Amino acid sequence: MAETASFRRGYRFRDAWSALMRLRQDPDDTRAVFEIISALTGPNDDRVFRRYQKQPIGRRVLDEKRDLLPLLQDREALMALPVGSLGREYAEFTRRENLSADGLVEASETVDDRYEAYGEDRARFAMRLRDEHDLHHVVTGYGRDLRGEGALLAFGLAQAWNHGIGLIVALAYVEGDAEERRLIREAWRRGKRSAWLSAADWEGLLAKPLAEVRRGFGIDDPPVYEPLRSGAAPAVA
C-alpha cells in the first residue's frame, strides 16, 4: 500500500507575493503560477493526497506505479485514436495551442522541489496532477486563453482547495471584466457538481468518446464565452 507519511512545509508569503506581482504583469508566466502554488500549499498536500489514496483509482495508480506523461507525449498514438475520443481531442487541442506535455514539466521542475522531497507515491501523485492539467481543459471545455485558465482554476479549486490557486483565481476575478467574473462563478458551480477529475482513470478514458467522458463526470456542455488572449500569448493554429 502507498506510504502515508506526512510532508510538512510552511507558507512562504513573501515568495508568493513576489510571484503574484510577476503574474499580474505577465499573465502567461507559467513559472510564476507554480511558484505561487508551491509557496502557499502548506499542509494542503497531505489532505489532498490522503483523499486520493482513498479513491479506487488512486490506489491502482500508486500500486501499479503508473506514469501518465509518456502517454500524453505520444501525439502520434493519440492522433491514431478514434475521432472525437478524449485522447484525439487532447492531441488536437495541444496542436492548436502550440503546447506539449513537456511544457508544464519544465515550468514546474525549475521552481518546485516537492518531487524530490516527497516519497515515491507522493511524487507520483503530484506529477500526475501536473500532467493531467490540459486534459482538464479538454474535458471542461475551457480554453488556454486568460479567461479559460482562470475558469479552469476556479473549477479545480471547487473540487480540491489550494491557497495558491485560490489567490490566483482571486486576482483573475478582481482584475477581470464582467465576462471573466461570470465565467469564474459558473466554473466554481460546475466544479462543485462534477466528479473529482483528479481521481479519474485517464489511461482508460483516452480512447473513449469525449461526450461519454463528460457524462461520466457529470459535466455539462462546454461553456460559451469569448476567449481573451494576452498580446504575448503564442499564436493559435
Protein backbone atom coordinates (compact mmCIF):
# COMPACT_ATOMS: atom_id res chain seq x y z
CA MET A 1 0.00 0.00 0.00
CA ALA A 2 1.19 3.53 -0.71
CA GLU A 3 3.00 5.33 2.04
CA THR A 4 1.10 7.82 4.16
CA ALA A 5 4.00 9.70 5.73
CA SER A 6 3.23 13.36 6.23
CA PHE A 7 5.29 16.01 4.48
CA ARG A 8 5.00 19.46 6.04
CA ARG A 9 6.11 22.79 4.68
CA GLY A 10 5.43 26.30 5.84
CA TYR A 11 3.83 29.12 3.91
CA ARG A 12 6.22 31.44 2.10
CA PHE A 13 4.12 34.58 1.81
CA ARG A 14 6.88 36.85 0.52
CA ASP A 15 7.70 34.44 -2.31
CA ALA A 16 4.02 34.11 -3.16
CA TRP A 17 3.54 37.89 -3.28
CA SER A 18 6.59 38.39 -5.49
CA ALA A 19 5.39 35.73 -7.92
CA LEU A 20 1.87 37.14 -7.88
CA MET A 21 3.16 40.58 -8.90
CA ARG A 22 5.06 38.97 -11.77
CA LEU A 23 1.97 37.09 -12.84
CA ARG A 24 0.00 40.32 -12.73
CA GLN A 25 2.48 41.88 -15.13
CA ASP A 26 2.68 38.81 -17.36
CA PRO A 27 -0.40 36.57 -17.15
CA ASP A 28 1.33 33.97 -19.36
CA ASP A 29 4.10 33.41 -16.79
CA THR A 30 3.53 29.72 -16.00
CA ARG A 31 6.62 29.65 -13.79
CA ALA A 32 5.05 32.29 -11.53
CA VAL A 33 1.91 30.17 -11.22
CA PHE A 34 3.92 27.21 -9.97
CA GLU A 35 5.85 29.46 -7.58
CA ILE A 36 2.62 30.77 -6.03
CA ILE A 37 1.18 27.30 -5.63
CA SER A 38 4.42 25.96 -4.15
CA ALA A 39 4.74 28.87 -1.71
CA LEU A 40 1.18 28.57 -0.38
CA THR A 41 0.50 24.85 -0.48
CA GLY A 42 1.49 24.25 3.15
CA PRO A 43 -0.12 21.12 4.63
CA ASN A 44 -2.76 21.04 1.90
CA ASP A 45 -0.73 18.43 0.01
CA ASP A 46 -1.27 15.98 2.85
CA ARG A 47 -5.04 16.37 2.82
CA VAL A 48 -5.41 16.00 -0.94
CA PHE A 49 -3.06 13.03 -1.09
CA ARG A 50 -4.91 11.20 1.68
CA ARG A 51 -8.15 11.83 -0.18
CA TYR A 52 -6.60 10.42 -3.36
CA GLN A 53 -5.36 7.31 -1.58
CA LYS A 54 -8.94 6.52 -0.58
CA GLN A 55 -10.13 6.51 -4.21
CA PRO A 56 -10.15 3.13 -6.02
CA ILE A 57 -8.28 4.60 -8.99
CA GLY A 58 -5.85 6.33 -6.65
CA ARG A 59 -4.84 3.04 -5.09
CA ARG A 60 -4.43 1.44 -8.52
CA VAL A 61 -2.32 4.29 -9.90
CA LEU A 62 0.02 4.12 -6.92
CA ASP A 63 0.18 0.33 -6.68
CA GLU A 64 0.77 -0.04 -10.43
CA LYS A 65 3.26 2.85 -10.44
CA ARG A 66 1.53 4.48 -13.39
CA ASP A 67 3.09 7.38 -15.28
CA LEU A 68 0.65 9.39 -17.39
CA LEU A 69 3.23 11.62 -19.07
CA PRO A 70 4.56 9.16 -21.71
CA LEU A 71 1.03 8.57 -22.98
CA LEU A 72 0.42 12.29 -23.37
CA GLN A 73 3.79 12.82 -25.06
CA ASP A 74 2.98 10.30 -27.81
CA ARG A 75 0.98 12.56 -30.10
CA GLU A 76 1.16 10.08 -32.97
CA ALA A 77 -0.56 7.39 -30.89
CA LEU A 78 -3.15 9.86 -29.64
CA MET A 79 -3.93 11.00 -33.18
CA ALA A 80 -4.49 7.36 -34.15
CA LEU A 81 -7.36 7.13 -31.64
CA PRO A 82 -10.96 7.47 -32.94
CA VAL A 83 -12.17 10.90 -33.99
CA GLY A 84 -13.99 12.51 -31.07
CA SER A 85 -12.19 10.47 -28.43
CA LEU A 86 -10.67 12.20 -25.42
CA GLY A 87 -7.12 11.33 -26.47
CA ARG A 88 -7.63 12.51 -30.04
CA GLU A 89 -9.26 15.74 -28.84
CA TYR A 90 -6.37 16.27 -26.41
CA ALA A 91 -3.84 15.87 -29.23
CA GLU A 92 -5.78 18.31 -31.41
CA PHE A 93 -6.02 20.75 -28.51
CA THR A 94 -2.29 20.73 -27.83
CA ARG A 95 -1.56 21.11 -31.55
CA ARG A 96 -3.88 24.12 -31.89
CA GLU A 97 -2.44 25.75 -28.78
CA ASN A 98 1.19 25.02 -29.67
CA LEU A 99 1.60 23.02 -26.47
CA SER A 100 3.34 19.85 -25.45
CA ALA A 101 3.06 17.71 -22.35
CA ASP A 102 6.67 18.67 -21.57
CA GLY A 103 5.89 22.36 -21.11
CA LEU A 104 4.33 22.04 -17.67
CA VAL A 105 7.10 19.66 -16.63
CA GLU A 106 9.77 22.22 -17.44
CA ALA A 107 7.93 25.05 -15.71
CA SER A 108 7.27 23.08 -12.54
CA GLU A 109 10.67 21.46 -12.10
CA THR A 110 12.54 24.77 -12.23
CA VAL A 111 10.72 26.14 -9.19
CA ASP A 112 9.44 23.23 -7.14
CA ASP A 113 11.42 20.76 -5.05
CA ARG A 114 8.37 18.83 -3.91
CA TYR A 115 9.01 15.89 -6.19
CA GLU A 116 12.40 15.23 -4.58
CA ALA A 117 11.19 15.89 -1.04
CA TYR A 118 8.19 13.58 -1.29
CA GLY A 119 8.30 9.82 -1.16
CA GLU A 120 7.69 7.89 -4.35
CA ASP A 121 3.89 7.74 -4.07
CA ARG A 122 3.51 11.39 -3.15
CA ALA A 123 5.74 12.45 -6.01
CA ARG A 124 3.79 10.23 -8.42
CA PHE A 125 0.52 11.87 -7.42
CA ALA A 126 1.93 15.41 -7.58
CA MET A 127 3.32 14.81 -11.06
CA ARG A 128 0.03 13.28 -12.19
CA LEU A 129 -1.82 16.42 -11.09
CA ARG A 130 0.60 18.48 -13.15
CA ASP A 131 0.46 16.27 -16.24
CA GLU A 132 -3.33 15.99 -16.41
CA HIS A 133 -3.91 19.76 -16.44
CA ASP A 134 -4.52 20.04 -20.19
CA LEU A 135 -6.82 17.02 -20.09
CA HIS A 136 -8.94 19.08 -17.70
CA HIS A 137 -9.03 21.83 -20.33
CA VAL A 138 -10.40 19.41 -22.90
CA VAL A 139 -12.97 17.80 -20.62
CA THR A 140 -14.33 21.05 -19.17
CA GLY A 141 -14.21 22.98 -22.44
CA TYR A 142 -12.19 25.89 -21.06
CA GLY A 143 -9.51 27.13 -23.44
CA ARG A 144 -5.92 28.13 -22.75
CA ASP A 145 -6.79 31.81 -23.02
CA LEU A 146 -6.76 34.04 -19.93
CA ARG A 147 -10.47 33.63 -19.22
CA GLY A 148 -10.33 29.91 -19.79
CA GLU A 149 -7.34 29.42 -17.49
CA GLY A 150 -8.96 31.43 -14.71
CA ALA A 151 -12.17 29.45 -15.07
CA LEU A 152 -10.38 26.10 -15.07
CA LEU A 153 -8.50 27.04 -11.91
CA ALA A 154 -11.81 28.00 -10.29
CA PHE A 155 -13.29 24.67 -11.38
CA GLY A 156 -10.40 22.78 -9.80
CA LEU A 157 -10.46 24.93 -6.69
CA ALA A 158 -14.09 23.95 -6.11
CA GLN A 159 -13.01 20.30 -6.19
CA ALA A 160 -9.87 20.50 -4.05
CA TRP A 161 -8.87 23.65 -2.18
CA ASN A 162 -5.39 25.12 -2.55
CA HIS A 163 -4.46 28.51 -1.11
CA GLY A 164 -2.12 29.35 -4.01
CA ILE A 165 -4.70 28.57 -6.65
CA GLY A 166 -7.27 30.49 -4.62
CA LEU A 167 -5.03 33.56 -4.70
CA ILE A 168 -4.60 33.31 -8.48
CA VAL A 169 -8.35 32.93 -9.00
CA ALA A 170 -8.99 35.91 -6.73
CA LEU A 171 -6.59 38.02 -8.80
CA ALA A 172 -8.35 36.95 -12.01
CA TYR A 173 -11.75 37.73 -10.50
CA VAL A 174 -10.83 41.15 -9.10
CA GLU A 175 -8.93 42.35 -12.15
CA GLY A 176 -11.04 40.62 -14.78
CA ASP A 177 -14.01 42.07 -16.62
CA ALA A 178 -17.66 41.11 -16.17
CA GLU A 179 -17.34 38.21 -18.62
CA GLU A 180 -14.40 36.73 -16.73
CA ARG A 181 -16.12 37.08 -13.37
CA ARG A 182 -19.24 35.39 -14.76
CA LEU A 183 -17.16 32.55 -16.15
CA ILE A 184 -15.31 32.06 -12.84
CA ARG A 185 -18.56 31.91 -10.87
CA GLU A 186 -20.02 29.44 -13.33
CA ALA A 187 -16.82 27.34 -13.26
CA TRP A 188 -16.98 27.13 -9.46
CA ARG A 189 -20.53 25.80 -9.64
CA ARG A 190 -19.58 23.31 -12.38
CA GLY A 191 -16.66 22.09 -10.31
CA LYS A 192 -18.90 21.51 -7.31
CA ARG A 193 -21.33 19.46 -9.42
CA SER A 194 -18.71 17.38 -11.20
CA ALA A 195 -16.93 14.25 -10.03
CA TRP A 196 -13.35 14.88 -8.93
CA LEU A 197 -11.33 14.97 -12.15
CA SER A 198 -8.06 14.11 -10.45
CA ALA A 199 -9.50 10.77 -9.33
CA ALA A 200 -10.05 9.71 -12.94
CA ASP A 201 -8.61 6.71 -14.74
CA TRP A 202 -7.17 8.87 -17.50
CA GLU A 203 -5.33 5.97 -19.09
CA GLY A 204 -8.62 4.13 -19.52
CA LEU A 205 -10.51 7.18 -20.74
CA LEU A 206 -8.26 8.34 -23.58
CA ALA A 207 -9.89 6.08 -26.20
CA LYS A 208 -13.46 6.83 -25.10
CA PRO A 209 -15.68 9.45 -26.79
CA LEU A 210 -15.24 12.84 -25.17
CA ALA A 211 -19.01 13.25 -24.83
CA GLU A 212 -19.18 9.97 -22.89
CA VAL A 213 -16.29 11.03 -20.65
CA ARG A 214 -18.05 14.29 -19.84
CA ARG A 215 -21.28 12.48 -18.98
CA GLY A 216 -19.35 10.17 -16.69
CA PHE A 217 -18.02 13.14 -14.76
CA GLY A 218 -21.39 14.85 -14.68
CA ILE A 219 -20.05 17.77 -16.72
CA ASP A 220 -22.49 19.68 -18.88
CA ASP A 221 -21.86 21.14 -22.33
CA PRO A 222 -18.75 23.32 -22.77
CA PRO A 223 -19.31 26.98 -21.85
CA VAL A 224 -19.79 29.63 -24.50
CA TYR A 225 -17.52 32.63 -23.99
CA GLU A 226 -15.26 35.00 -25.89
CA PRO A 227 -11.60 33.95 -25.44
CA LEU A 228 -9.21 36.64 -24.22
CA ARG A 229 -5.51 36.33 -25.01
CA SER A 230 -2.60 38.48 -23.98
CA GLY A 231 -0.56 40.18 -26.66
CA ALA A 232 2.40 37.93 -25.86
CA ALA A 233 0.45 34.67 -25.98
CA PRO A 234 1.61 32.07 -28.55
CA ALA A 235 -0.34 32.05 -31.79
CA VAL A 236 -3.17 29.54 -32.07
CA ALA A 237 -3.07 27.23 -35.08
